[in-house]
Amino acid sequence: MSEQDRRRELLGVAAELARERGLARVTGRDVAARAGVSVGLVQYHFGSVEELLVELFEREQGQDLANARAAMSRAKSPAKAMQRLADWFVPGPEDWRYRLWVDAWSLAPHLPLLRAAARRLNLQWRDLFLEVIARGGESGDFDVPDPKAAAWRVMSLLDAMHIQLSGKQLDASPRTVRRWVEDAIAAELGLRARP
């Protein structure tokens, strides 16, 4: 097996374990055991468990960001693009990509490489929101005096609602929460008309 194939295999095993147990409970020993290799081989390919987790996080979240960007780019208006981005954040019952974010945020204070990776990806998400908001301002669809602040506020709202929904903390249905989010985004962006 080539080195690249072995790394891909080990990342796949780490992803399986993270889905089952959460990112914090992925160990080099467990990855090695499930892959049928030595712990030394895992360390050879990744250096440390933190480096393995960072690569796993960046791979999964980078793909998610690329998929969201592609979905947003097909929108016919800035308002539709924002709706697609907001929909992208609505959790499913077993939403792996968002659980991975929550795990990364909880580990970030203790793992500086993961903290830096999460920050880089978070800024890329912010830039995607900012791009849509700026386009909406230019077209007249949105009335936003500070697009960067609006991008952060919209993302923060979506993150908070996602955490509340996926943790089953709200006494409201996903449909009701979606309406709250749509109303808050429309108010934040000064949306002239619903998409």
N, C-alpha and C. Protein backbone atom coordinates (compact mmCIF):
# COMPACT_ATOMS: atom_id res chain seq x y z
N MET A 1 0.85 -1.18 0.00
CA MET A 1 0.00 0.00 0.00
C MET A 1 0.90 1.24 0.00
N SER A 2 0.56 2.21 -0.84
CA SER A 2 1.36 3.44 -0.90
C SER A 2 1.16 4.25 0.37
N GLU A 3 2.09 5.18 0.62
CA GLU A 3 1.97 6.04 1.81
C GLU A 3 0.68 6.85 1.76
N GLN A 4 0.35 7.36 0.58
CA GLN A 4 -0.86 8.16 0.44
C GLN A 4 -2.11 7.32 0.73
N ASP A 5 -2.13 6.08 0.22
CA ASP A 5 -3.26 5.20 0.49
C ASP A 5 -3.35 4.86 1.98
N ARG A 6 -2.21 4.64 2.62
CA ARG A 6 -2.20 4.32 4.04
C ARG A 6 -2.74 5.51 4.86
N ARG A 7 -2.30 6.72 4.52
CA ARG A 7 -2.80 7.91 5.23
C ARG A 7 -4.32 8.03 5.06
N ARG A 8 -4.78 7.81 3.83
CA ARG A 8 -6.21 7.89 3.55
C ARG A 8 -6.98 6.84 4.38
N GLU A 9 -6.41 5.64 4.45
CA GLU A 9 -7.04 4.57 5.23
C GLU A 9 -7.11 4.95 6.72
N LEU A 10 -6.01 5.46 7.25
CA LEU A 10 -5.97 5.84 8.66
C LEU A 10 -6.94 6.99 8.95
N LEU A 11 -7.04 7.94 8.04
CA LEU A 11 -8.01 9.03 8.20
C LEU A 11 -9.44 8.49 8.18
N GLY A 12 -9.70 7.53 7.30
CA GLY A 12 -11.03 6.91 7.25
C GLY A 12 -11.37 6.21 8.55
N VAL A 13 -10.41 5.49 9.11
CA VAL A 13 -10.62 4.82 10.39
C VAL A 13 -10.87 5.85 11.49
N ALA A 14 -10.07 6.92 11.50
CA ALA A 14 -10.26 7.98 12.50
C ALA A 14 -11.64 8.61 12.36
N ALA A 15 -12.11 8.79 11.13
CA ALA A 15 -13.45 9.35 10.91
C ALA A 15 -14.52 8.41 11.45
N GLU A 16 -14.37 7.11 11.22
CA GLU A 16 -15.33 6.14 11.77
C GLU A 16 -15.39 6.25 13.29
N LEU A 17 -14.23 6.28 13.91
CA LEU A 17 -14.17 6.37 15.37
C LEU A 17 -14.77 7.68 15.87
N ALA A 18 -14.49 8.78 15.17
CA ALA A 18 -15.04 10.07 15.58
C ALA A 18 -16.56 10.09 15.46
N ARG A 19 -17.08 9.47 14.42
CA ARG A 19 -18.55 9.39 14.28
C ARG A 19 -19.16 8.58 15.42
N GLU A 20 -18.49 7.51 15.79
CA GLU A 20 -19.01 6.64 16.85
C GLU A 20 -18.87 7.25 18.25
N ARG A 21 -17.72 7.87 18.51
CA ARG A 21 -17.36 8.25 19.88
C ARG A 21 -17.22 9.75 20.11
N GLY A 22 -17.06 10.50 19.05
CA GLY A 22 -16.73 11.91 19.17
C GLY A 22 -15.24 12.11 18.99
N LEU A 23 -14.88 13.28 18.55
CA LEU A 23 -13.49 13.60 18.22
C LEU A 23 -12.56 13.46 19.42
N ALA A 24 -13.03 13.83 20.59
CA ALA A 24 -12.18 13.83 21.79
C ALA A 24 -11.76 12.42 22.20
N ARG A 25 -12.52 11.42 21.76
CA ARG A 25 -12.22 10.06 22.19
C ARG A 25 -11.53 9.23 21.12
N VAL A 26 -10.97 9.90 20.12
CA VAL A 26 -10.18 9.21 19.10
C VAL A 26 -8.73 9.18 19.58
N THR A 27 -8.18 7.99 19.68
CA THR A 27 -6.79 7.85 20.11
C THR A 27 -5.98 7.17 19.01
N GLY A 28 -4.69 7.43 19.03
CA GLY A 28 -3.80 6.76 18.08
C GLY A 28 -3.84 5.26 18.25
N ARG A 29 -3.93 4.81 19.49
CA ARG A 29 -3.99 3.37 19.79
C ARG A 29 -5.24 2.74 19.17
N ASP A 30 -6.38 3.42 19.30
CA ASP A 30 -7.62 2.87 18.74
C ASP A 30 -7.61 2.88 17.21
N VAL A 31 -7.07 3.94 16.63
CA VAL A 31 -6.96 3.99 15.17
C VAL A 31 -6.08 2.84 14.69
N ALA A 32 -4.95 2.65 15.35
CA ALA A 32 -4.03 1.57 14.97
C ALA A 32 -4.70 0.20 15.11
N ALA A 33 -5.40 -0.01 16.22
CA ALA A 33 -6.05 -1.31 16.45
C ALA A 33 -7.10 -1.60 15.38
N ARG A 34 -7.93 -0.60 15.09
CA ARG A 34 -8.97 -0.84 14.09
C ARG A 34 -8.38 -1.03 12.69
N ALA A 35 -7.30 -0.33 12.40
CA ALA A 35 -6.67 -0.45 11.07
C ALA A 35 -5.77 -1.69 10.98
N GLY A 36 -5.49 -2.31 12.12
CA GLY A 36 -4.62 -3.48 12.12
C GLY A 36 -3.16 -3.14 11.87
N VAL A 37 -2.74 -1.98 12.39
CA VAL A 37 -1.34 -1.54 12.23
C VAL A 37 -0.80 -1.16 13.60
N SER A 38 0.46 -0.83 13.65
CA SER A 38 1.07 -0.43 14.92
C SER A 38 0.80 1.06 15.19
N VAL A 39 0.86 1.42 16.47
CA VAL A 39 0.72 2.82 16.86
C VAL A 39 1.84 3.63 16.22
N GLY A 40 3.02 3.02 16.13
CA GLY A 40 4.16 3.70 15.51
C GLY A 40 3.88 4.10 14.07
N LEU A 41 3.12 3.28 13.35
CA LEU A 41 2.79 3.62 11.96
C LEU A 41 1.86 4.83 11.90
N VAL A 42 0.92 4.90 12.84
CA VAL A 42 0.03 6.06 12.90
C VAL A 42 0.86 7.31 13.19
N GLN A 43 1.78 7.21 14.14
CA GLN A 43 2.65 8.35 14.47
C GLN A 43 3.56 8.71 13.31
N TYR A 44 4.03 7.73 12.57
CA TYR A 44 4.87 7.99 11.41
C TYR A 44 4.12 8.86 10.39
N HIS A 45 2.87 8.53 10.17
CA HIS A 45 2.09 9.25 9.15
C HIS A 45 1.57 10.60 9.63
N PHE A 46 1.31 10.74 10.93
CA PHE A 46 0.69 11.97 11.40
C PHE A 46 1.47 12.71 12.48
N GLY A 47 2.46 12.11 13.06
CA GLY A 47 3.26 12.78 14.07
C GLY A 47 2.63 12.74 15.45
N SER A 48 1.37 13.09 15.54
CA SER A 48 0.65 13.09 16.82
C SER A 48 -0.83 12.89 16.55
N VAL A 49 -1.55 12.54 17.61
CA VAL A 49 -3.00 12.39 17.48
C VAL A 49 -3.62 13.74 17.11
N GLU A 50 -3.09 14.82 17.67
CA GLU A 50 -3.64 16.14 17.33
C GLU A 50 -3.51 16.42 15.83
N GLU A 51 -2.37 16.09 15.25
CA GLU A 51 -2.19 16.30 13.81
C GLU A 51 -3.16 15.45 13.00
N LEU A 52 -3.41 14.23 13.46
CA LEU A 52 -4.40 13.36 12.81
C LEU A 52 -5.79 13.99 12.90
N LEU A 53 -6.16 14.48 14.08
CA LEU A 53 -7.47 15.10 14.25
C LEU A 53 -7.62 16.35 13.39
N VAL A 54 -6.56 17.13 13.31
CA VAL A 54 -6.59 18.34 12.48
C VAL A 54 -6.81 17.98 11.02
N GLU A 55 -6.07 16.99 10.54
CA GLU A 55 -6.24 16.61 9.14
C GLU A 55 -7.63 16.05 8.87
N LEU A 56 -8.14 15.26 9.80
CA LEU A 56 -9.50 14.74 9.68
C LEU A 56 -10.51 15.88 9.64
N PHE A 57 -10.40 16.81 10.58
CA PHE A 57 -11.30 17.95 10.66
C PHE A 57 -11.24 18.78 9.38
N GLU A 58 -10.03 19.10 8.93
CA GLU A 58 -9.88 19.92 7.73
C GLU A 58 -10.42 19.21 6.49
N ARG A 59 -10.22 17.91 6.41
CA ARG A 59 -10.72 17.16 5.25
C ARG A 59 -12.25 17.20 5.23
N GLU A 60 -12.86 16.83 6.35
CA GLU A 60 -14.32 16.76 6.41
C GLU A 60 -14.97 18.13 6.24
N GLN A 61 -14.46 19.11 6.97
CA GLN A 61 -15.07 20.44 6.95
C GLN A 61 -14.73 21.19 5.67
N GLY A 62 -13.56 20.94 5.11
CA GLY A 62 -13.22 21.56 3.83
C GLY A 62 -14.15 21.09 2.72
N GLN A 63 -14.49 19.79 2.74
CA GLN A 63 -15.42 19.24 1.75
C GLN A 63 -16.82 19.82 1.95
N ASP A 64 -17.21 19.95 3.21
CA ASP A 64 -18.52 20.52 3.50
C ASP A 64 -18.61 21.96 3.00
N LEU A 65 -17.57 22.72 3.23
CA LEU A 65 -17.53 24.10 2.76
C LEU A 65 -17.59 24.16 1.23
N ALA A 66 -16.85 23.29 0.57
CA ALA A 66 -16.87 23.26 -0.90
C ALA A 66 -18.28 22.91 -1.41
N ASN A 67 -18.94 21.96 -0.76
CA ASN A 67 -20.30 21.59 -1.16
C ASN A 67 -21.28 22.75 -0.94
N ALA A 68 -21.14 23.44 0.17
CA ALA A 68 -22.02 24.59 0.44
C ALA A 68 -21.77 25.70 -0.58
N ARG A 69 -20.51 25.95 -0.89
CA ARG A 69 -20.18 26.98 -1.88
C ARG A 69 -20.79 26.64 -3.23
N ALA A 70 -20.72 25.37 -3.63
CA ALA A 70 -21.30 24.95 -4.91
C ALA A 70 -22.82 25.13 -4.91
N ALA A 71 -23.48 24.75 -3.81
CA ALA A 71 -24.93 24.91 -3.72
C ALA A 71 -25.32 26.39 -3.77
N MET A 72 -24.56 27.21 -3.06
CA MET A 72 -24.85 28.64 -3.02
C MET A 72 -24.62 29.29 -4.38
N SER A 73 -23.60 28.84 -5.10
CA SER A 73 -23.25 29.47 -6.38
C SER A 73 -24.33 29.28 -7.45
N ARG A 74 -25.17 28.27 -7.26
CA ARG A 74 -26.25 28.02 -8.24
C ARG A 74 -27.49 28.87 -7.97
N ALA A 75 -27.48 29.62 -6.88
CA ALA A 75 -28.63 30.45 -6.54
C ALA A 75 -28.75 31.61 -7.51
N LYS A 76 -29.98 31.96 -7.82
CA LYS A 76 -30.22 33.01 -8.83
C LYS A 76 -30.19 34.42 -8.25
N SER A 77 -30.20 34.55 -6.92
CA SER A 77 -30.17 35.88 -6.30
C SER A 77 -29.43 35.78 -4.98
N PRO A 78 -28.97 36.90 -4.45
CA PRO A 78 -28.33 36.89 -3.13
C PRO A 78 -29.27 36.37 -2.04
N ALA A 79 -30.55 36.70 -2.13
CA ALA A 79 -31.51 36.23 -1.12
C ALA A 79 -31.63 34.71 -1.18
N LYS A 80 -31.67 34.16 -2.37
CA LYS A 80 -31.72 32.69 -2.52
C LYS A 80 -30.43 32.06 -2.03
N ALA A 81 -29.31 32.70 -2.33
CA ALA A 81 -28.01 32.17 -1.87
C ALA A 81 -27.97 32.15 -0.35
N MET A 82 -28.47 33.20 0.29
CA MET A 82 -28.49 33.23 1.76
C MET A 82 -29.42 32.16 2.30
N GLN A 83 -30.54 31.96 1.64
CA GLN A 83 -31.46 30.91 2.07
C GLN A 83 -30.79 29.54 1.98
N ARG A 84 -30.04 29.31 0.91
CA ARG A 84 -29.34 28.03 0.76
C ARG A 84 -28.28 27.85 1.84
N LEU A 85 -27.57 28.93 2.16
CA LEU A 85 -26.58 28.83 3.23
C LEU A 85 -27.24 28.55 4.57
N ALA A 86 -28.35 29.24 4.84
CA ALA A 86 -29.06 29.00 6.10
C ALA A 86 -29.57 27.57 6.15
N ASP A 87 -30.11 27.08 5.05
CA ASP A 87 -30.59 25.69 4.99
C ASP A 87 -29.46 24.71 5.24
N TRP A 88 -28.26 25.06 4.77
CA TRP A 88 -27.10 24.18 4.94
C TRP A 88 -26.81 23.96 6.43
N PHE A 89 -27.15 24.94 7.25
CA PHE A 89 -26.86 24.87 8.68
C PHE A 89 -27.96 24.17 9.48
N VAL A 90 -29.10 23.88 8.86
CA VAL A 90 -30.19 23.24 9.60
C VAL A 90 -29.81 21.78 9.84
N PRO A 91 -29.82 21.35 11.11
CA PRO A 91 -29.32 20.01 11.43
C PRO A 91 -30.30 18.90 11.07
N GLY A 92 -29.71 17.78 10.68
CA GLY A 92 -30.47 16.54 10.57
C GLY A 92 -30.32 15.79 11.88
N PRO A 93 -31.03 14.68 12.03
CA PRO A 93 -30.99 13.96 13.30
C PRO A 93 -29.59 13.47 13.68
N GLU A 94 -28.82 13.08 12.72
CA GLU A 94 -27.46 12.58 12.99
C GLU A 94 -26.46 13.37 12.15
N ASP A 95 -26.44 14.65 12.34
CA ASP A 95 -25.62 15.52 11.50
C ASP A 95 -24.16 15.48 11.91
N TRP A 96 -23.40 14.63 11.23
CA TRP A 96 -21.98 14.42 11.51
C TRP A 96 -21.17 15.70 11.37
N ARG A 97 -21.40 16.44 10.30
CA ARG A 97 -20.54 17.59 10.03
C ARG A 97 -20.65 18.64 11.13
N TYR A 98 -21.81 18.78 11.71
CA TYR A 98 -21.94 19.78 12.77
C TYR A 98 -21.45 19.25 14.10
N ARG A 99 -21.68 17.99 14.37
CA ARG A 99 -21.13 17.40 15.61
C ARG A 99 -19.62 17.54 15.62
N LEU A 100 -19.02 17.40 14.45
CA LEU A 100 -17.56 17.54 14.33
C LEU A 100 -17.12 18.96 14.71
N TRP A 101 -17.91 19.96 14.29
CA TRP A 101 -17.60 21.35 14.68
C TRP A 101 -17.69 21.52 16.19
N VAL A 102 -18.76 21.02 16.77
CA VAL A 102 -18.95 21.16 18.22
C VAL A 102 -17.80 20.50 18.96
N ASP A 103 -17.42 19.31 18.51
CA ASP A 103 -16.27 18.62 19.12
C ASP A 103 -15.00 19.46 18.99
N ALA A 104 -14.77 20.00 17.80
CA ALA A 104 -13.55 20.80 17.58
C ALA A 104 -13.54 22.03 18.46
N TRP A 105 -14.69 22.70 18.59
CA TRP A 105 -14.76 23.89 19.45
C TRP A 105 -14.48 23.53 20.90
N SER A 106 -14.98 22.38 21.35
CA SER A 106 -14.76 22.01 22.75
C SER A 106 -13.31 21.62 23.02
N LEU A 107 -12.62 21.11 22.01
CA LEU A 107 -11.21 20.72 22.16
C LEU A 107 -10.25 21.88 21.89
N ALA A 108 -10.69 22.88 21.18
CA ALA A 108 -9.81 23.97 20.73
C ALA A 108 -9.01 24.64 21.85
N PRO A 109 -9.58 24.87 23.04
CA PRO A 109 -8.77 25.52 24.08
C PRO A 109 -7.54 24.70 24.50
N HIS A 110 -7.59 23.40 24.26
CA HIS A 110 -6.52 22.51 24.71
C HIS A 110 -5.61 22.02 23.59
N LEU A 111 -6.04 22.19 22.34
CA LEU A 111 -5.28 21.70 21.19
C LEU A 111 -5.03 22.85 20.22
N PRO A 112 -3.88 23.49 20.31
CA PRO A 112 -3.64 24.70 19.51
C PRO A 112 -3.68 24.48 18.00
N LEU A 113 -3.25 23.33 17.52
CA LEU A 113 -3.31 23.08 16.08
C LEU A 113 -4.75 22.96 15.61
N LEU A 114 -5.58 22.30 16.40
CA LEU A 114 -7.00 22.18 16.07
C LEU A 114 -7.69 23.54 16.16
N ARG A 115 -7.33 24.32 17.17
CA ARG A 115 -7.89 25.68 17.32
C ARG A 115 -7.58 26.50 16.07
N ALA A 116 -6.34 26.42 15.59
CA ALA A 116 -5.95 27.19 14.40
C ALA A 116 -6.70 26.70 13.16
N ALA A 117 -6.87 25.40 13.03
CA ALA A 117 -7.60 24.85 11.87
C ALA A 117 -9.06 25.29 11.92
N ALA A 118 -9.68 25.21 13.10
CA ALA A 118 -11.08 25.62 13.23
C ALA A 118 -11.22 27.11 12.91
N ARG A 119 -10.28 27.90 13.35
CA ARG A 119 -10.33 29.35 13.06
C ARG A 119 -10.23 29.60 11.56
N ARG A 120 -9.29 28.92 10.89
CA ARG A 120 -9.14 29.09 9.43
C ARG A 120 -10.44 28.75 8.71
N LEU A 121 -11.02 27.61 9.07
CA LEU A 121 -12.25 27.20 8.39
C LEU A 121 -13.43 28.11 8.75
N ASN A 122 -13.48 28.54 10.00
CA ASN A 122 -14.55 29.45 10.41
C ASN A 122 -14.47 30.76 9.61
N LEU A 123 -13.26 31.25 9.40
CA LEU A 123 -13.09 32.47 8.60
C LEU A 123 -13.50 32.24 7.15
N GLN A 124 -13.25 31.06 6.63
CA GLN A 124 -13.68 30.76 5.26
C GLN A 124 -15.20 30.74 5.16
N TRP A 125 -15.86 30.18 6.20
CA TRP A 125 -17.33 30.23 6.23
C TRP A 125 -17.80 31.68 6.32
N ARG A 126 -17.17 32.45 7.20
CA ARG A 126 -17.55 33.86 7.33
C ARG A 126 -17.40 34.57 5.99
N ASP A 127 -16.32 34.29 5.28
CA ASP A 127 -16.10 34.93 3.99
C ASP A 127 -17.17 34.55 2.97
N LEU A 128 -17.65 33.31 3.05
CA LEU A 128 -18.72 32.89 2.15
C LEU A 128 -20.00 33.68 2.45
N PHE A 129 -20.34 33.79 3.72
CA PHE A 129 -21.50 34.61 4.11
C PHE A 129 -21.29 36.06 3.70
N LEU A 130 -20.09 36.57 3.94
CA LEU A 130 -19.78 37.96 3.60
C LEU A 130 -19.92 38.20 2.10
N GLU A 131 -19.47 37.26 1.31
CA GLU A 131 -19.59 37.38 -0.15
C GLU A 131 -21.05 37.51 -0.57
N VAL A 132 -21.91 36.69 0.00
CA VAL A 132 -23.34 36.74 -0.34
C VAL A 132 -23.95 38.05 0.14
N ILE A 133 -23.61 38.47 1.35
CA ILE A 133 -24.16 39.72 1.90
C ILE A 133 -23.69 40.92 1.08
N ALA A 134 -22.43 40.94 0.71
CA ALA A 134 -21.91 42.05 -0.11
C ALA A 134 -22.61 42.09 -1.47
N ARG A 135 -22.80 40.92 -2.07
CA ARG A 135 -23.50 40.86 -3.35
C ARG A 135 -24.92 41.38 -3.21
N GLY A 136 -25.57 41.01 -2.09
CA GLY A 136 -26.94 41.50 -1.86
C GLY A 136 -26.99 42.99 -1.64
N GLY A 137 -25.95 43.55 -1.00
CA GLY A 137 -25.89 44.99 -0.82
C GLY A 137 -25.71 45.70 -2.15
N GLU A 138 -24.85 45.15 -3.00
CA GLU A 138 -24.60 45.75 -4.33
C GLU A 138 -25.85 45.70 -5.20
N SER A 139 -26.61 44.60 -5.11
CA SER A 139 -27.80 44.46 -5.96
C SER A 139 -29.01 45.21 -5.41
N GLY A 140 -28.91 45.64 -4.13
CA GLY A 140 -30.03 46.32 -3.51
C GLY A 140 -31.00 45.38 -2.81
N ASP A 141 -30.70 44.07 -2.82
CA ASP A 141 -31.56 43.10 -2.14
C ASP A 141 -31.46 43.21 -0.63
N PHE A 142 -30.27 43.59 -0.13
CA PHE A 142 -30.03 43.71 1.31
C PHE A 142 -29.68 45.16 1.64
N ASP A 143 -30.00 45.55 2.84
CA ASP A 143 -29.61 46.86 3.35
C ASP A 143 -28.80 46.61 4.62
N VAL A 144 -27.46 46.54 4.44
CA VAL A 144 -26.58 46.14 5.54
C VAL A 144 -25.45 47.16 5.65
N PRO A 145 -25.44 47.96 6.73
CA PRO A 145 -24.38 48.96 6.89
C PRO A 145 -23.00 48.35 7.17
N ASP A 146 -22.95 47.21 7.85
CA ASP A 146 -21.67 46.58 8.19
C ASP A 146 -21.74 45.09 7.81
N PRO A 147 -21.41 44.76 6.55
CA PRO A 147 -21.55 43.38 6.08
C PRO A 147 -20.75 42.35 6.89
N LYS A 148 -19.54 42.72 7.33
CA LYS A 148 -18.75 41.74 8.10
C LYS A 148 -19.42 41.42 9.43
N ALA A 149 -19.89 42.43 10.13
CA ALA A 149 -20.59 42.19 11.39
C ALA A 149 -21.85 41.38 11.16
N ALA A 150 -22.56 41.68 10.08
CA ALA A 150 -23.79 40.93 9.77
C ALA A 150 -23.46 39.47 9.49
N ALA A 151 -22.36 39.21 8.78
CA ALA A 151 -21.96 37.82 8.49
C ALA A 151 -21.70 37.07 9.79
N TRP A 152 -20.97 37.70 10.71
CA TRP A 152 -20.70 37.04 11.99
C TRP A 152 -21.99 36.80 12.78
N ARG A 153 -22.89 37.78 12.78
CA ARG A 153 -24.12 37.62 13.56
C ARG A 153 -25.01 36.52 12.98
N VAL A 154 -25.11 36.46 11.64
CA VAL A 154 -25.92 35.41 11.01
C VAL A 154 -25.32 34.04 11.32
N MET A 155 -24.00 33.91 11.16
CA MET A 155 -23.36 32.62 11.46
C MET A 155 -23.55 32.23 12.93
N SER A 156 -23.41 33.19 13.82
CA SER A 156 -23.56 32.91 15.25
C SER A 156 -24.98 32.46 15.57
N LEU A 157 -25.96 33.10 14.97
CA LEU A 157 -27.34 32.70 15.16
C LEU A 157 -27.54 31.26 14.67
N LEU A 158 -27.06 30.98 13.47
CA LEU A 158 -27.22 29.64 12.91
C LEU A 158 -26.51 28.59 13.77
N ASP A 159 -25.31 28.91 14.22
CA ASP A 159 -24.58 27.97 15.09
C ASP A 159 -25.35 27.71 16.38
N ALA A 160 -25.82 28.77 17.01
CA ALA A 160 -26.53 28.62 18.27
C ALA A 160 -27.81 27.81 18.11
N MET A 161 -28.57 28.10 17.07
CA MET A 161 -29.79 27.35 16.84
C MET A 161 -29.49 25.89 16.54
N HIS A 162 -28.42 25.66 15.80
CA HIS A 162 -28.04 24.29 15.48
C HIS A 162 -27.68 23.52 16.74
N ILE A 163 -26.91 24.14 17.60
CA ILE A 163 -26.51 23.48 18.86
C ILE A 163 -27.75 23.18 19.69
N GLN A 164 -28.67 24.14 19.78
CA GLN A 164 -29.89 23.94 20.56
C GLN A 164 -30.75 22.82 19.97
N LEU A 165 -30.89 22.81 18.65
CA LEU A 165 -31.71 21.78 18.00
C LEU A 165 -31.07 20.41 18.11
N SER A 166 -29.79 20.31 17.78
CA SER A 166 -29.15 19.00 17.77
C SER A 166 -29.02 18.43 19.18
N GLY A 167 -28.94 19.31 20.18
CA GLY A 167 -28.90 18.87 21.56
C GLY A 167 -30.28 18.66 22.16
N LYS A 168 -31.32 18.84 21.33
CA LYS A 168 -32.71 18.70 21.75
C LYS A 168 -33.01 19.55 22.99
N GLN A 169 -32.56 20.81 22.93
CA GLN A 169 -32.73 21.73 24.05
C GLN A 169 -33.91 22.68 23.88
N LEU A 170 -34.43 22.80 22.67
CA LEU A 170 -35.52 23.74 22.41
C LEU A 170 -36.88 23.06 22.54
N ASP A 171 -37.85 23.79 23.03
CA ASP A 171 -39.21 23.26 23.07
C ASP A 171 -39.99 23.79 21.85
N ALA A 172 -39.33 23.67 20.71
CA ALA A 172 -39.94 24.11 19.45
C ALA A 172 -39.54 23.11 18.36
N SER A 173 -40.37 23.01 17.36
CA SER A 173 -40.08 22.08 16.27
C SER A 173 -39.01 22.66 15.35
N PRO A 174 -38.33 21.80 14.60
CA PRO A 174 -37.38 22.32 13.61
C PRO A 174 -38.02 23.31 12.65
N ARG A 175 -39.27 23.08 12.30
CA ARG A 175 -39.97 24.00 11.39
C ARG A 175 -40.12 25.38 12.02
N THR A 176 -40.47 25.43 13.30
CA THR A 176 -40.61 26.70 14.01
C THR A 176 -39.25 27.40 14.11
N VAL A 177 -38.24 26.64 14.43
CA VAL A 177 -36.90 27.22 14.53
C VAL A 177 -36.46 27.78 13.18
N ARG A 178 -36.75 27.06 12.12
CA ARG A 178 -36.42 27.55 10.77
C ARG A 178 -37.09 28.89 10.51
N ARG A 179 -38.35 29.04 10.92
CA ARG A 179 -39.06 30.31 10.73
C ARG A 179 -38.40 31.42 11.54
N TRP A 180 -38.03 31.11 12.81
CA TRP A 180 -37.32 32.09 13.63
C TRP A 180 -36.05 32.55 12.94
N VAL A 181 -35.31 31.59 12.41
CA VAL A 181 -34.03 31.90 11.75
C VAL A 181 -34.28 32.77 10.52
N GLU A 182 -35.25 32.39 9.70
CA GLU A 182 -35.57 33.17 8.50
C GLU A 182 -35.94 34.60 8.87
N ASP A 183 -36.76 34.76 9.90
CA ASP A 183 -37.17 36.10 10.33
C ASP A 183 -35.98 36.91 10.83
N ALA A 184 -35.11 36.28 11.62
CA ALA A 184 -33.94 36.98 12.15
C ALA A 184 -32.98 37.38 11.04
N ILE A 185 -32.77 36.49 10.07
CA ILE A 185 -31.87 36.81 8.96
C ILE A 185 -32.47 37.94 8.11
N ALA A 186 -33.77 37.87 7.86
CA ALA A 186 -34.43 38.94 7.08
C ALA A 186 -34.27 40.28 7.78
N ALA A 187 -34.43 40.30 9.10
CA ALA A 187 -34.26 41.55 9.85
C ALA A 187 -32.81 42.01 9.83
N GLU A 188 -31.88 41.10 10.01
CA GLU A 188 -30.44 41.43 10.02
C GLU A 188 -30.01 42.02 8.69
N LEU A 189 -30.51 41.47 7.59
CA LEU A 189 -30.05 41.89 6.26
C LEU A 189 -30.93 42.97 5.65
N GLY A 190 -31.99 43.38 6.33
CA GLY A 190 -32.89 44.36 5.73
C GLY A 190 -33.43 43.82 4.43
N LEU A 191 -33.76 42.55 4.43
CA LEU A 191 -34.21 41.86 3.22
C LEU A 191 -35.44 42.54 2.67
N ARG A 192 -35.37 42.92 1.41
CA ARG A 192 -36.46 43.67 0.78
C ARG A 192 -37.67 42.77 0.50
N ALA A 193 -37.40 41.52 0.09
CA ALA A 193 -38.50 40.58 -0.20
C ALA A 193 -38.02 39.19 0.09
N ARG A 194 -38.94 38.31 0.47
CA ARG A 194 -38.58 36.92 0.74
C ARG A 194 -38.14 36.25 -0.55
N PRO A 195 -37.12 35.36 -0.45
CA PRO A 195 -36.66 34.66 -1.67
C PRO A 195 -37.72 33.74 -2.22
